[in-house]
Amino acid sequence: MDVETSPASSTAGCDTKTETAPAPHPRRRCILHVTGDYPNINKPLNTLAVKNFIDANPEADHIIVTLDRTSLPWRARVTPGGGNGDSRMISIRYWGLPFGVQLAASMYLVARQTRRILQTRGEDFDVIHAHKLTFEGLAGYWLSLWFEKPLVCSLRGEVESKVLAVKPHYRFLYRRVVERSSRLYYVSAWYRPTLQKAFQPSQAKQRLLPNFVDLDGIEPHAASRPNAFVSVLCFEVYKRKGLDRLLPAFKRALEREPGITLDLVGRGSPERLAHIQSLIDKAGLGESVRLVGPLEHTELLRRLGQYSGFVLPSRNETFGMSFIEALLAGVPIVYSKGCGVDGFVDGIEAAVPVDPRSVASISDGIVRLAAHQRECRDWLLRNRDELIARFGTKNHISLYNKDVFSICHEPHSSSG
């Protein structure tokens, strides 16, 4: 029925008011995620950071392309469903040379393969999200050009800084990715000044987007154990996590705070764990430092709130979800400047920054936290709601979805 002659719109001979139809809801958007960091059949123990981010956003639809490299051509394969029947997933194990040799060529071939798969499946999407600049960003860039879809890109400082340092000849390509990206999401807030200096992206398209943690399993304990510190790390990369400097720093801190203890939690091969224990013994810390070893994540979260301090002087770490879990559990932290959560914990009185390259600085940070552990814990408990708002999913996902809706109506860069 034509609206101009419908009873609802006619006012002749009656006093009825015109009814206004409710505004239509915005169409659900579909996001194509290109990520090398997502659990799948080729790498089931991959980090949960990207998965947590996608799972936190049920308001959008998702297509997830996972990428894992193999140096053996006959092991390359495509697994629909990622090996677990998830219809959103396409897992690609691609052939590529080690050490990033011919990285651009590998990502170009991955992009072509992804385009062919998406076209065969008849997939449609609105936005491409590349979850790293220096790897997936290249594939996402070519997909964005071919499909004429907007691109957004996450920045993960550990990887980006390494690749840009060893591949200065790729800067022209990465500049194109940055220029084409409608939004840049910093998982590493500390990396923002470096990228700004290198490529001068518009401030308007830059955002901070921390890795999400599972808030449901994190609760502060009624009381913490005084002077009890904890570190959570993967022992296979213990030097990058700063354990080689933490142990001598802790020994030095014991001279000023003789009652402190340190539990070391994390996974590693039996040989690696034996090596870590030997480092503890050689440092003469057997009475104060305990190698706990691996714990299930739920068990770790259950125990975390009993500690009075969390310390991990990592070097060149992208984010560090354990720091956020500790803060939300009411546990003050000692963290590295220019690394990890630096830039996300500004203004938090229970977060002590240290120089991860300096044993003296790490030791001073431990002593400072030990001296103020009660006040720091009380601050965290008083401000827990603010911390949940800062690191929880609600505000960040809301802004992200607004960005996605907005950029679908923006002319995106045609750089290419």
Protein backbone atom coordinates (compact mmCIF):
# COMPACT_ATOMS: atom_id res chain seq x y z
CA MET A 1 0.00 0.00 0.00
CA ASP A 2 1.34 3.41 -0.90
CA VAL A 3 2.24 5.44 2.20
CA GLU A 4 0.38 8.52 0.93
CA THR A 5 -2.98 6.68 0.83
CA SER A 6 -2.56 4.38 3.80
CA PRO A 7 -4.91 4.74 6.79
CA ALA A 8 -1.98 5.31 9.08
CA SER A 9 -0.90 8.38 7.14
CA SER A 10 -4.31 9.87 6.33
CA THR A 11 -5.66 12.55 8.69
CA ALA A 12 -8.84 13.45 6.75
CA GLY A 13 -11.87 13.61 9.04
CA CYS A 14 -10.14 12.32 12.16
CA ASP A 15 -7.82 13.40 14.93
CA THR A 16 -5.46 10.42 14.87
CA LYS A 17 -1.76 11.28 14.94
CA THR A 18 0.69 10.02 12.39
CA GLU A 19 2.71 7.12 13.76
CA THR A 20 6.43 7.25 13.18
CA ALA A 21 7.99 3.97 12.20
CA PRO A 22 10.89 2.94 14.44
CA ALA A 23 14.31 3.63 13.02
CA PRO A 24 15.79 0.52 11.44
CA HIS A 25 18.68 -1.12 13.28
CA PRO A 26 22.04 -0.83 11.52
CA ARG A 27 22.87 -3.89 9.45
CA ARG A 28 25.20 -6.34 11.14
CA ARG A 29 28.69 -5.96 9.85
CA CYS A 30 30.98 -8.83 8.90
CA ILE A 31 34.68 -8.56 9.67
CA LEU A 32 37.35 -10.61 7.91
CA HIS A 33 40.12 -11.28 10.43
CA VAL A 34 43.57 -12.22 9.12
CA THR A 35 45.68 -13.46 12.02
CA GLY A 36 48.73 -15.54 12.77
CA ASP A 37 47.80 -15.71 16.46
CA TYR A 38 44.70 -17.84 16.84
CA PRO A 39 44.33 -21.42 18.16
CA ASN A 40 43.77 -23.85 15.29
CA ILE A 41 44.63 -27.34 14.09
CA ASN A 42 48.14 -26.25 13.11
CA LYS A 43 48.92 -24.47 16.38
CA PRO A 44 46.38 -25.46 19.06
CA LEU A 45 48.26 -23.74 21.92
CA ASN A 46 48.41 -20.35 20.23
CA THR A 47 47.77 -17.26 22.34
CA LEU A 48 44.13 -16.52 23.13
CA ALA A 49 44.47 -12.75 22.68
CA VAL A 50 42.82 -12.48 19.24
CA LYS A 51 40.26 -15.18 20.07
CA ASN A 52 39.24 -13.31 23.23
CA PHE A 53 38.84 -10.14 21.18
CA ILE A 54 36.62 -11.79 18.55
CA ASP A 55 34.56 -13.71 21.13
CA ALA A 56 33.91 -10.44 22.98
CA ASN A 57 32.13 -9.01 19.93
CA PRO A 58 28.91 -10.94 19.21
CA GLU A 59 27.37 -7.83 17.64
CA ALA A 60 29.33 -8.45 14.44
CA ASP A 61 29.79 -11.49 12.22
CA HIS A 62 33.30 -12.81 11.73
CA ILE A 63 35.32 -14.72 9.15
CA ILE A 64 38.63 -15.85 10.64
CA VAL A 65 41.59 -16.71 8.42
CA THR A 66 44.43 -18.15 10.51
CA LEU A 67 47.97 -18.23 9.13
CA ASP A 68 50.78 -20.54 10.17
CA ARG A 69 54.06 -20.92 8.27
CA THR A 70 55.83 -24.16 7.41
CA SER A 71 59.24 -24.42 5.76
CA LEU A 72 58.27 -27.80 4.26
CA PRO A 73 56.19 -27.33 1.09
CA TRP A 74 54.47 -30.72 1.37
CA ARG A 75 53.05 -29.75 4.78
CA ALA A 76 51.18 -26.74 3.42
CA ARG A 77 47.41 -27.18 3.62
CA VAL A 78 44.05 -25.47 4.02
CA THR A 79 41.71 -26.68 6.77
CA PRO A 80 38.13 -25.34 6.69
CA GLY A 81 36.75 -24.97 10.19
CA GLY A 82 40.22 -24.73 11.72
CA GLY A 83 40.09 -28.39 12.68
CA ASN A 84 37.36 -27.91 15.28
CA GLY A 85 34.30 -27.43 13.10
CA ASP A 86 34.06 -23.65 13.50
CA SER A 87 32.36 -22.59 10.28
CA ARG A 88 33.81 -19.09 10.63
CA MET A 89 37.39 -20.34 10.37
CA ILE A 90 39.73 -21.10 7.51
CA SER A 91 43.16 -22.29 8.65
CA ILE A 92 45.98 -21.87 6.15
CA ARG A 93 49.36 -23.46 6.72
CA TYR A 94 51.43 -21.77 4.04
CA TRP A 95 54.91 -22.47 2.78
CA GLY A 96 57.44 -19.77 3.53
CA LEU A 97 61.16 -19.42 4.08
CA PRO A 98 62.43 -19.04 7.68
CA PHE A 99 63.67 -15.79 9.25
CA GLY A 100 61.23 -13.74 7.18
CA VAL A 101 63.13 -14.30 3.93
CA GLN A 102 60.92 -13.17 1.03
CA LEU A 103 58.24 -12.22 3.54
CA ALA A 104 56.39 -9.89 1.15
CA ALA A 105 56.23 -12.59 -1.53
CA SER A 106 54.90 -15.11 1.01
CA MET A 107 52.18 -12.72 2.17
CA TYR A 108 51.26 -11.88 -1.43
CA LEU A 109 50.77 -15.58 -2.20
CA VAL A 110 48.80 -16.02 1.03
CA ALA A 111 46.56 -13.11 0.00
CA ARG A 112 45.96 -14.67 -3.43
CA GLN A 113 45.13 -18.00 -1.85
CA THR A 114 42.78 -16.34 0.63
CA ARG A 115 41.05 -14.40 -2.16
CA ARG A 116 40.50 -17.61 -4.12
CA ILE A 117 39.06 -19.40 -1.08
CA LEU A 118 36.72 -16.53 -0.19
CA GLN A 119 35.49 -16.24 -3.76
CA THR A 120 34.90 -19.98 -4.03
CA ARG A 121 32.92 -19.96 -0.79
CA GLY A 122 30.98 -16.87 -1.83
CA GLU A 123 31.95 -15.05 1.36
CA ASP A 124 31.01 -11.39 1.76
CA PHE A 125 32.39 -9.04 4.37
CA ASP A 126 32.58 -5.33 5.14
CA VAL A 127 35.98 -4.73 6.74
CA ILE A 128 39.35 -6.48 6.86
CA HIS A 129 41.18 -6.58 10.20
CA ALA A 130 44.86 -7.53 9.94
CA HIS A 131 46.08 -8.41 13.43
CA LYS A 132 49.73 -7.42 12.88
CA LEU A 133 51.22 -4.80 10.62
CA THR A 134 54.39 -6.49 9.44
CA PHE A 135 52.94 -9.91 8.56
CA GLU A 136 49.16 -10.07 8.20
CA GLY A 137 49.11 -6.37 7.34
CA LEU A 138 50.71 -7.12 3.99
CA ALA A 139 48.16 -9.82 3.14
CA GLY A 140 45.35 -7.59 4.39
CA TYR A 141 46.60 -4.71 2.25
CA TRP A 142 46.37 -6.70 -0.99
CA LEU A 143 43.00 -8.17 -0.02
CA SER A 144 41.75 -4.65 0.68
CA LEU A 145 42.82 -3.52 -2.77
CA TRP A 146 41.36 -6.50 -4.60
CA PHE A 147 38.03 -6.59 -2.78
CA GLU A 148 37.86 -2.79 -2.45
CA LYS A 149 37.11 -3.08 1.27
CA PRO A 150 38.41 -0.91 4.11
CA LEU A 151 41.35 -2.15 6.17
CA VAL A 152 42.10 -1.80 9.88
CA CYS A 153 45.32 -3.01 11.46
CA SER A 154 46.51 -3.96 14.94
CA LEU A 155 50.01 -3.01 16.13
CA ARG A 156 51.92 -5.53 18.27
CA GLY A 157 55.15 -3.93 19.31
CA GLU A 158 57.36 -6.97 19.81
CA VAL A 159 56.95 -8.26 16.26
CA GLU A 160 56.62 -4.90 14.51
CA SER A 161 59.80 -3.51 16.05
CA LYS A 162 61.84 -6.59 15.15
CA VAL A 163 60.68 -6.76 11.53
CA LEU A 164 61.03 -3.05 10.85
CA ALA A 165 64.55 -3.16 12.30
CA VAL A 166 65.75 -5.98 10.03
CA LYS A 167 63.72 -5.07 6.92
CA PRO A 168 64.21 -1.36 6.28
CA HIS A 169 63.77 -2.11 2.54
CA TYR A 170 60.12 -3.00 3.29
CA ARG A 171 59.30 0.41 4.75
CA PHE A 172 57.68 1.60 1.54
CA LEU A 173 55.28 -1.36 1.73
CA TYR A 174 54.48 -0.84 5.39
CA ARG A 175 53.89 2.84 4.71
CA ARG A 176 51.25 1.81 2.16
CA VAL A 177 49.59 -0.47 4.72
CA VAL A 178 49.53 2.32 7.30
CA GLU A 179 48.17 4.82 4.79
CA ARG A 180 45.44 2.47 3.57
CA SER A 181 44.38 1.50 7.10
CA SER A 182 41.30 3.39 8.23
CA ARG A 183 42.14 2.64 11.86
CA LEU A 184 45.30 1.59 13.69
CA TYR A 185 44.76 -0.29 16.94
CA TYR A 186 47.69 -0.37 19.37
CA VAL A 187 47.83 -3.55 21.41
CA SER A 188 51.22 -2.15 22.47
CA ALA A 189 50.65 1.41 23.65
CA TRP A 190 54.41 1.81 24.12
CA TYR A 191 54.95 1.31 20.38
CA ARG A 192 52.81 4.25 19.32
CA PRO A 193 55.57 6.92 19.38
CA THR A 194 57.82 4.69 17.23
CA LEU A 195 55.18 4.12 14.57
CA GLN A 196 54.21 7.79 14.65
CA LYS A 197 57.80 8.81 14.00
CA ALA A 198 58.25 6.28 11.21
CA PHE A 199 55.04 6.83 9.23
CA GLN A 200 53.24 9.93 10.64
CA PRO A 201 49.71 8.44 10.54
CA SER A 202 46.79 10.73 11.32
CA GLN A 203 46.08 10.94 15.04
CA ALA A 204 42.37 10.62 14.28
CA LYS A 205 42.70 7.02 13.13
CA GLN A 206 44.79 5.77 16.06
CA ARG A 207 43.33 3.90 19.02
CA LEU A 208 44.52 1.94 22.06
CA LEU A 209 43.10 -1.58 22.18
CA PRO A 210 44.48 -3.79 24.97
CA ASN A 211 44.37 -7.56 24.94
CA PHE A 212 41.33 -8.78 26.87
CA VAL A 213 41.43 -11.08 29.87
CA ASP A 214 38.66 -13.28 31.28
CA LEU A 215 37.18 -11.14 34.05
CA ASP A 216 34.85 -13.87 35.30
CA GLY A 217 37.61 -15.98 36.77
CA ILE A 218 39.46 -13.18 38.55
CA GLU A 219 38.59 -12.25 42.14
CA PRO A 220 40.75 -10.67 44.83
CA HIS A 221 41.30 -12.80 47.93
CA ALA A 222 40.01 -11.60 51.29
CA ALA A 223 43.63 -11.20 52.37
CA SER A 224 47.00 -11.58 50.69
CA ARG A 225 50.17 -13.25 51.94
CA PRO A 226 52.57 -10.51 53.05
CA ASN A 227 55.83 -10.23 51.09
CA ALA A 228 54.82 -12.98 48.66
CA PHE A 229 55.76 -12.15 45.05
CA VAL A 230 54.94 -14.14 41.91
CA SER A 231 56.13 -14.22 38.29
CA VAL A 232 54.23 -15.91 35.45
CA LEU A 233 56.19 -16.65 32.28
CA CYS A 234 57.06 -19.15 29.58
CA PHE A 235 60.41 -20.59 30.63
CA GLU A 236 61.38 -21.41 27.06
CA VAL A 237 61.96 -17.66 26.56
CA TYR A 238 63.04 -16.86 30.12
CA LYS A 239 65.69 -14.35 29.07
CA ARG A 240 63.22 -12.29 27.04
CA LYS A 241 60.89 -12.42 30.03
CA GLY A 242 63.70 -10.96 32.13
CA LEU A 243 64.32 -13.86 34.51
CA ASP A 244 68.08 -13.62 33.93
CA ARG A 245 68.00 -10.18 35.57
CA LEU A 246 65.14 -10.82 37.97
CA LEU A 247 67.00 -13.46 39.96
CA PRO A 248 70.04 -11.27 40.78
CA ALA A 249 67.69 -8.32 41.35
CA PHE A 250 65.64 -10.37 43.80
CA LYS A 251 68.79 -11.46 45.63
CA ARG A 252 69.79 -7.82 45.93
CA ALA A 253 66.30 -6.88 47.18
CA LEU A 254 66.54 -9.56 49.88
CA GLU A 255 69.33 -7.56 51.51
CA ARG A 256 66.85 -4.76 52.20
CA GLU A 257 63.65 -6.82 52.54
CA PRO A 258 64.79 -10.19 53.93
CA GLY A 259 61.28 -11.60 54.31
CA ILE A 260 60.21 -11.55 50.66
CA THR A 261 59.62 -14.70 48.61
CA LEU A 262 59.10 -15.35 44.90
CA ASP A 263 57.11 -18.10 43.16
CA LEU A 264 57.90 -18.80 39.50
CA VAL A 265 54.91 -20.13 37.55
CA GLY A 266 54.91 -21.22 33.93
CA ARG A 267 55.42 -23.98 31.42
CA GLY A 268 58.60 -25.33 29.92
CA SER A 269 60.21 -28.57 28.88
CA PRO A 270 61.63 -30.78 31.65
CA GLU A 271 65.13 -29.82 30.53
CA ARG A 272 64.27 -26.12 30.67
CA LEU A 273 62.69 -26.40 34.11
CA ALA A 274 65.76 -28.22 35.38
CA HIS A 275 67.90 -25.41 33.99
CA ILE A 276 65.78 -22.78 35.74
CA GLN A 277 66.12 -24.65 39.03
CA SER A 278 69.89 -24.73 38.55
CA LEU A 279 69.88 -20.95 38.07
CA ILE A 280 67.97 -20.54 41.32
CA ASP A 281 70.40 -22.83 43.16
CA LYS A 282 73.51 -21.17 41.71
CA ALA A 283 72.19 -17.78 42.81
CA GLY A 284 71.78 -19.10 46.36
CA LEU A 285 68.05 -18.37 46.30
CA GLY A 286 66.73 -21.83 47.15
CA GLU A 287 65.23 -20.60 50.42
CA SER A 288 63.38 -17.64 48.90
CA VAL A 289 62.56 -18.53 45.28
CA ARG A 290 60.34 -21.51 44.46
CA LEU A 291 59.89 -23.02 40.99
CA VAL A 292 56.19 -23.88 40.88
CA GLY A 293 56.14 -24.83 37.19
CA PRO A 294 52.99 -25.08 35.04
CA LEU A 295 49.48 -24.43 36.34
CA GLU A 296 46.15 -24.62 34.55
CA HIS A 297 44.96 -21.11 33.82
CA THR A 298 41.88 -21.43 36.02
CA GLU A 299 44.04 -22.63 38.90
CA LEU A 300 46.48 -19.78 38.36
CA LEU A 301 43.65 -17.24 38.53
CA ARG A 302 42.32 -18.91 41.67
CA ARG A 303 45.70 -18.57 43.39
CA LEU A 304 46.75 -15.20 42.00
CA GLY A 305 44.92 -13.04 44.52
CA GLN A 306 46.86 -14.52 47.44
CA TYR A 307 50.07 -12.79 46.40
CA SER A 308 51.13 -9.30 47.47
CA GLY A 309 53.14 -8.48 44.33
CA PHE A 310 53.60 -9.51 40.70
CA VAL A 311 56.97 -8.89 39.05
CA LEU A 312 58.09 -9.58 35.48
CA PRO A 313 60.77 -7.33 33.92
CA SER A 314 60.17 -8.44 30.32
CA ARG A 315 62.12 -7.05 27.40
CA ASN A 316 60.29 -6.20 24.17
CA GLU A 317 56.96 -7.78 25.09
CA THR A 318 53.82 -6.90 23.13
CA PHE A 319 51.39 -6.60 26.05
CA GLY A 320 51.42 -9.03 28.98
CA MET A 321 47.93 -10.20 29.92
CA SER A 322 49.18 -11.56 33.25
CA PHE A 323 49.82 -8.01 34.48
CA ILE A 324 46.16 -7.10 33.96
CA GLU A 325 45.00 -10.32 35.59
CA ALA A 326 47.18 -9.46 38.60
CA LEU A 327 45.83 -5.91 38.93
CA LEU A 328 42.23 -7.14 38.75
CA ALA A 329 43.05 -9.76 41.39
CA GLY A 330 44.21 -6.98 43.70
CA VAL A 331 47.91 -7.69 43.19
CA PRO A 332 50.27 -4.71 42.61
CA ILE A 333 52.77 -5.06 39.76
CA VAL A 334 56.36 -4.29 38.88
CA TYR A 335 56.50 -3.82 35.09
CA SER A 336 58.97 -2.74 32.40
CA LYS A 337 59.15 0.77 31.00
CA GLY A 338 58.91 0.92 27.21
CA CYS A 339 57.43 -2.55 26.98
CA GLY A 340 54.40 -4.71 27.77
CA VAL A 341 51.61 -2.81 29.53
CA ASP A 342 53.50 0.48 29.62
CA GLY A 343 51.11 3.15 28.39
CA PHE A 344 48.03 1.27 29.61
CA VAL A 345 48.70 1.54 33.36
CA ASP A 346 49.34 5.28 33.60
CA GLY A 347 47.84 6.70 36.77
CA ILE A 348 47.64 3.35 38.57
CA GLU A 349 49.36 3.84 41.91
CA ALA A 350 49.88 0.09 42.33
CA ALA A 351 52.03 -0.21 39.17
CA VAL A 352 55.77 0.32 39.61
CA PRO A 353 57.82 0.91 36.43
CA VAL A 354 61.42 -0.30 36.16
CA ASP A 355 64.19 -0.41 33.59
CA PRO A 356 64.23 -4.07 32.45
CA ARG A 357 67.91 -3.83 31.48
CA SER A 358 69.00 -2.76 34.98
CA VAL A 359 69.32 -5.18 37.90
CA ALA A 360 69.46 -2.20 40.26
CA SER A 361 66.25 -0.69 38.89
CA ILE A 362 64.37 -4.01 39.11
CA SER A 363 65.61 -4.51 42.65
CA ASP A 364 64.56 -1.00 43.67
CA GLY A 365 61.10 -1.63 42.19
CA ILE A 366 60.67 -4.82 44.20
CA VAL A 367 61.76 -3.09 47.40
CA ARG A 368 59.46 -0.13 46.74
CA LEU A 369 56.49 -2.41 46.19
CA ALA A 370 57.32 -4.52 49.23
CA ALA A 371 57.42 -1.38 51.38
CA HIS A 372 54.00 -0.20 50.14
CA GLN A 373 52.26 -3.50 49.42
CA ARG A 374 49.33 -2.86 51.77
CA GLU A 375 48.60 0.63 50.42
CA CYS A 376 48.90 -0.58 46.83
CA ARG A 377 46.52 -3.46 47.40
CA ASP A 378 44.01 -1.17 49.11
CA TRP A 379 44.19 1.21 46.12
CA LEU A 380 43.45 -1.62 43.70
CA LEU A 381 40.47 -2.84 45.72
CA ARG A 382 39.03 0.68 45.98
CA ASN A 383 39.44 1.30 42.26
CA ARG A 384 38.53 -2.12 40.88
CA ASP A 385 35.45 -0.86 39.04
CA GLU A 386 37.56 1.74 37.24
CA LEU A 387 40.10 -0.95 36.30
CA ILE A 388 37.34 -3.18 34.92
CA ALA A 389 36.09 -0.27 32.81
CA ARG A 390 39.64 0.44 31.61
CA PHE A 391 40.55 -3.14 30.68
CA GLY A 392 37.15 -4.79 30.21
CA THR A 393 35.61 -5.47 26.84
CA LYS A 394 32.52 -3.24 26.98
CA ASN A 395 33.95 0.20 26.23
CA HIS A 396 36.60 -1.01 23.78
CA ILE A 397 34.23 -3.19 21.75
CA SER A 398 31.63 -0.42 21.66
CA LEU A 399 34.16 2.02 20.20
CA TYR A 400 35.47 -0.63 17.79
CA ASN A 401 32.00 -1.35 16.44
CA LYS A 402 31.33 2.36 16.03
CA ASP A 403 34.59 2.57 14.08
CA VAL A 404 33.59 -0.34 11.86
CA PHE A 405 30.18 1.21 11.14
CA SER A 406 31.79 4.58 10.45
CA ILE A 407 34.54 3.42 8.11
CA CYS A 408 32.04 1.45 6.04
CA HIS A 409 30.66 4.86 5.08
CA GLU A 410 34.02 6.57 4.64
CA PRO A 411 35.99 6.71 1.39
CA HIS A 412 39.06 4.64 2.22
CA SER A 413 42.48 5.35 0.85
CA SER A 414 43.22 4.10 -2.62
CA SER A 415 46.94 3.90 -1.88
CA GLY A 416 48.39 1.11 -3.91
